[in-house]
């Protein structure tokens, strides 16, 4: 092996570091939405298993709640009421 400086991996590592620097805020936002959605999915599951779940336990509901929070819950309940 020629080492790290003469290998193919150096440009790949530099490109990955550049992408992390450029898209740091977007990646942080996406990770935050994903985390909140997982928390809401767990909450929907707990409510559903306790017999208190009005909304279904699915990824669409969890994503809507992760993006919008409690107003998203009101929106989903209104959509359920209308449909």
C-alpha atoms as a PDB file:
ATOM      1  CA  UNK A   1       0.000   0.000   0.000  1.00  0.00           C
ATOM      2  CA  UNK A   2       1.182   3.466  -0.843  1.00  0.00           C
ATOM      3  CA  UNK A   3      -0.385   5.037   2.212  1.00  0.00           C
ATOM      4  CA  UNK A   4      -3.349   7.293   2.712  1.00  0.00           C
ATOM      5  CA  UNK A   5      -2.021  10.273   0.758  1.00  0.00           C
ATOM      6  CA  UNK A   6      -1.425   8.332  -2.450  1.00  0.00           C
ATOM      7  CA  UNK A   7      -4.548   6.178  -2.328  1.00  0.00           C
ATOM      8  CA  UNK A   8      -7.981   6.600  -3.771  1.00  0.00           C
ATOM      9  CA  UNK A   9      -9.498   7.128  -0.326  1.00  0.00           C
ATOM     10  CA  UNK A  10      -8.116  10.617   0.207  1.00  0.00           C
ATOM     11  CA  UNK A  11     -10.448  12.331  -2.298  1.00  0.00           C
ATOM     12  CA  UNK A  12     -13.372  10.309  -0.950  1.00  0.00           C
ATOM     13  CA  UNK A  13     -12.612  11.373   2.627  1.00  0.00           C
ATOM     14  CA  UNK A  14     -12.167  15.002   1.583  1.00  0.00           C
ATOM     15  CA  UNK A  15     -15.461  14.961  -0.342  1.00  0.00           C
ATOM     16  CA  UNK A  16     -17.274  13.421   2.635  1.00  0.00           C
ATOM     17  CA  UNK A  17     -15.823  16.045   4.976  1.00  0.00           C
ATOM     18  CA  UNK A  18     -16.820  18.821   2.575  1.00  0.00           C
ATOM     19  CA  UNK A  19     -20.373  17.475   2.311  1.00  0.00           C
ATOM     20  CA  UNK A  20     -20.651  17.319   6.101  1.00  0.00           C
ATOM     21  CA  UNK A  21     -19.511  20.926   6.409  1.00  0.00           C
ATOM     22  CA  UNK A  22     -21.782  22.217   3.636  1.00  0.00           C
ATOM     23  CA  UNK A  23     -24.915  20.277   4.609  1.00  0.00           C
ATOM     24  CA  UNK A  24     -24.451  20.304   8.391  1.00  0.00           C
ATOM     25  CA  UNK A  25     -27.604  22.295   9.111  1.00  0.00           C
ATOM     26  CA  UNK A  26     -29.749  20.257   6.716  1.00  0.00           C
ATOM     27  CA  UNK A  27     -28.423  16.982   8.101  1.00  0.00           C
ATOM     28  CA  UNK A  28     -29.048  18.186  11.653  1.00  0.00           C
ATOM     29  CA  UNK A  29     -32.609  19.178  10.752  1.00  0.00           C
ATOM     30  CA  UNK A  30     -33.269  15.801   9.107  1.00  0.00           C
ATOM     31  CA  UNK A  31     -31.868  13.938  12.100  1.00  0.00           C
ATOM     32  CA  UNK A  32     -34.028  16.032  14.410  1.00  0.00           C
ATOM     33  CA  UNK A  33     -37.179  15.283  12.401  1.00  0.00           C
ATOM     34  CA  UNK A  34     -36.277  11.589  12.312  1.00  0.00           C
ATOM     35  CA  UNK A  35     -35.748  11.552  16.078  1.00  0.00           C
ATOM     36  CA  UNK A  36     -39.014  13.345  16.810  1.00  0.00           C
ATOM     37  CA  UNK A  37     -40.850  11.023  14.416  1.00  0.00           C
ATOM     38  CA  UNK A  38     -39.458   7.965  16.199  1.00  0.00           C
ATOM     39  CA  UNK A  39     -40.562   9.411  19.535  1.00  0.00           C
ATOM     40  CA  UNK A  40     -44.063  10.063  18.200  1.00  0.00           C
ATOM     41  CA  UNK A  41     -44.169   6.569  16.700  1.00  0.00           C
ATOM     42  CA  UNK A  42     -43.355   5.147  20.123  1.00  0.00           C
ATOM     43  CA  UNK A  43     -46.009   7.350  21.705  1.00  0.00           C
ATOM     44  CA  UNK A  44     -48.603   6.224  19.179  1.00  0.00           C
ATOM     45  CA  UNK A  45     -47.658   2.624  19.868  1.00  0.00           C
ATOM     46  CA  UNK A  46     -47.980   3.095  23.634  1.00  0.00           C
ATOM     47  CA  UNK A  47     -51.344   4.811  23.282  1.00  0.00           C
ATOM     48  CA  UNK A  48     -52.539   2.123  20.887  1.00  0.00           C
ATOM     49  CA  UNK A  49     -51.440  -0.709  23.160  1.00  0.00           C
ATOM     50  CA  UNK A  50     -53.185   0.948  26.129  1.00  0.00           C
ATOM     51  CA  UNK A  51     -56.427   1.136  24.174  1.00  0.00           C
ATOM     52  CA  UNK A  52     -56.370   4.932  23.975  1.00  0.00           C
ATOM     53  CA  UNK A  53     -55.149   5.216  20.410  1.00  0.00           C
ATOM     54  CA  UNK A  54     -57.430   7.123  18.085  1.00  0.00           C
ATOM     55  CA  UNK A  55     -54.783   7.490  15.377  1.00  0.00           C
ATOM     56  CA  UNK A  56     -53.198   4.500  13.711  1.00  0.00           C
ATOM     57  CA  UNK A  57     -49.606   3.518  14.370  1.00  0.00           C
ATOM     58  CA  UNK A  58     -47.919   4.125  11.017  1.00  0.00           C
ATOM     59  CA  UNK A  59     -45.025   6.061   9.542  1.00  0.00           C
ATOM     60  CA  UNK A  60     -47.210   8.720   7.903  1.00  0.00           C
ATOM     61  CA  UNK A  61     -48.784   9.703  11.221  1.00  0.00           C
ATOM     62  CA  UNK A  62     -45.415   9.647  12.967  1.00  0.00           C
ATOM     63  CA  UNK A  63     -43.841  11.840  10.264  1.00  0.00           C
ATOM     64  CA  UNK A  64     -46.721  14.320  10.358  1.00  0.00           C
ATOM     65  CA  UNK A  65     -46.447  14.511  14.141  1.00  0.00           C
ATOM     66  CA  UNK A  66     -42.650  14.751  13.986  1.00  0.00           C
ATOM     67  CA  UNK A  67     -42.817  17.653  11.548  1.00  0.00           C
ATOM     68  CA  UNK A  68     -45.767  19.556  13.007  1.00  0.00           C
ATOM     69  CA  UNK A  69     -45.984  18.457  16.631  1.00  0.00           C
ATOM     70  CA  UNK A  70     -49.317  18.935  18.415  1.00  0.00           C
ATOM     71  CA  UNK A  71     -50.844  20.947  15.552  1.00  0.00           C
ATOM     72  CA  UNK A  72     -50.088  17.901  13.412  1.00  0.00           C
ATOM     73  CA  UNK A  73     -52.078  15.777  15.860  1.00  0.00           C
ATOM     74  CA  UNK A  74     -55.001  18.183  15.528  1.00  0.00           C
ATOM     75  CA  UNK A  75     -54.689  18.019  11.733  1.00  0.00           C
ATOM     76  CA  UNK A  76     -54.687  14.217  11.729  1.00  0.00           C
ATOM     77  CA  UNK A  77     -57.680  14.120  14.063  1.00  0.00           C
ATOM     78  CA  UNK A  78     -59.568  16.561  11.806  1.00  0.00           C
ATOM     79  CA  UNK A  79     -58.712  14.451   8.762  1.00  0.00           C
ATOM     80  CA  UNK A  80     -59.963  11.358  10.553  1.00  0.00           C
ATOM     81  CA  UNK A  81     -63.159  13.152  11.549  1.00  0.00           C
ATOM     82  CA  UNK A  82     -63.787  14.357   7.972  1.00  0.00           C
ATOM     83  CA  UNK A  83     -63.041  11.012   6.350  1.00  0.00           C
END
